[in-house]
């Protein structure tokens, strides 16, 4: 799935890292992320992420 990187960074704004996958998904929803971004984040492995770049990189692998 291809996700707009700018929209992804907006969705991840305000998250304190390290952050668990569920916290990232919940924050993206709170930030008004569209369904494509929420679905992409739902598809990443359930682990703790150290940076927004790590999250974006993982989304790019899916």
Protein backbone atom coordinates (compact mmCIF):
# COMPACT_ATOMS: atom_id res chain seq x y z
CA UNK A 1 0.00 0.00 0.00
CA UNK A 2 1.35 3.41 -0.93
CA UNK A 3 0.78 6.12 1.64
CA UNK A 4 1.53 9.81 1.17
CA UNK A 5 4.64 10.44 3.32
CA UNK A 6 3.57 13.97 4.22
CA UNK A 7 0.15 12.76 5.36
CA UNK A 8 1.87 10.00 7.33
CA UNK A 9 4.11 12.49 9.15
CA UNK A 10 1.06 14.66 9.97
CA UNK A 11 -0.70 11.57 11.34
CA UNK A 12 2.32 10.78 13.53
CA UNK A 13 2.62 14.33 14.88
CA UNK A 14 2.68 14.76 18.63
CA UNK A 15 3.52 11.14 19.47
CA UNK A 16 6.11 10.63 22.20
CA UNK A 17 8.66 7.99 21.31
CA UNK A 18 9.37 5.21 22.00
CA UNK A 19 5.75 4.29 21.28
CA UNK A 20 3.87 1.02 21.00
CA UNK A 21 2.05 0.17 17.77
CA UNK A 22 -1.40 0.62 19.35
CA UNK A 23 -0.46 4.04 20.71
CA UNK A 24 0.69 5.04 17.21
CA UNK A 25 -2.54 3.83 15.60
CA UNK A 26 -4.65 5.58 18.26
CA UNK A 27 -2.70 8.83 17.85
CA UNK A 28 -3.06 8.72 14.07
CA UNK A 29 -6.84 8.36 14.47
CA UNK A 30 -6.87 11.27 16.93
CA UNK A 31 -4.87 13.35 14.44
CA UNK A 32 -7.53 12.77 11.77
CA UNK A 33 -5.55 10.33 9.62
CA UNK A 34 -7.45 8.92 6.67
CA UNK A 35 -8.41 5.25 6.51
CA UNK A 36 -5.46 4.33 4.23
CA UNK A 37 -2.99 5.55 6.83
CA UNK A 38 -4.80 3.89 9.73
CA UNK A 39 -4.93 0.61 7.77
CA UNK A 40 -1.23 0.88 6.91
CA UNK A 41 -0.35 1.47 10.57
CA UNK A 42 -2.59 -1.42 11.60
CA UNK A 43 -0.49 -3.63 9.34
CA UNK A 44 2.89 -2.93 10.94
CA UNK A 45 4.38 -5.42 13.43
CA UNK A 46 3.19 -5.12 17.02
CA UNK A 47 6.30 -3.74 18.73
CA UNK A 48 7.69 -0.53 20.17
CA UNK A 49 8.99 2.05 17.69
CA UNK A 50 11.79 4.46 18.52
CA UNK A 51 11.17 7.20 15.92
CA UNK A 52 8.59 8.37 13.34
CA UNK A 53 11.12 7.45 10.65
CA UNK A 54 11.13 3.85 11.90
CA UNK A 55 7.33 3.76 11.65
CA UNK A 56 7.38 5.21 8.13
CA UNK A 57 10.05 2.75 7.05
CA UNK A 58 7.99 -0.16 8.36
CA UNK A 59 4.87 1.11 6.57
CA UNK A 60 6.90 1.26 3.36
CA UNK A 61 7.70 -2.46 3.70
CA UNK A 62 4.05 -3.49 3.90
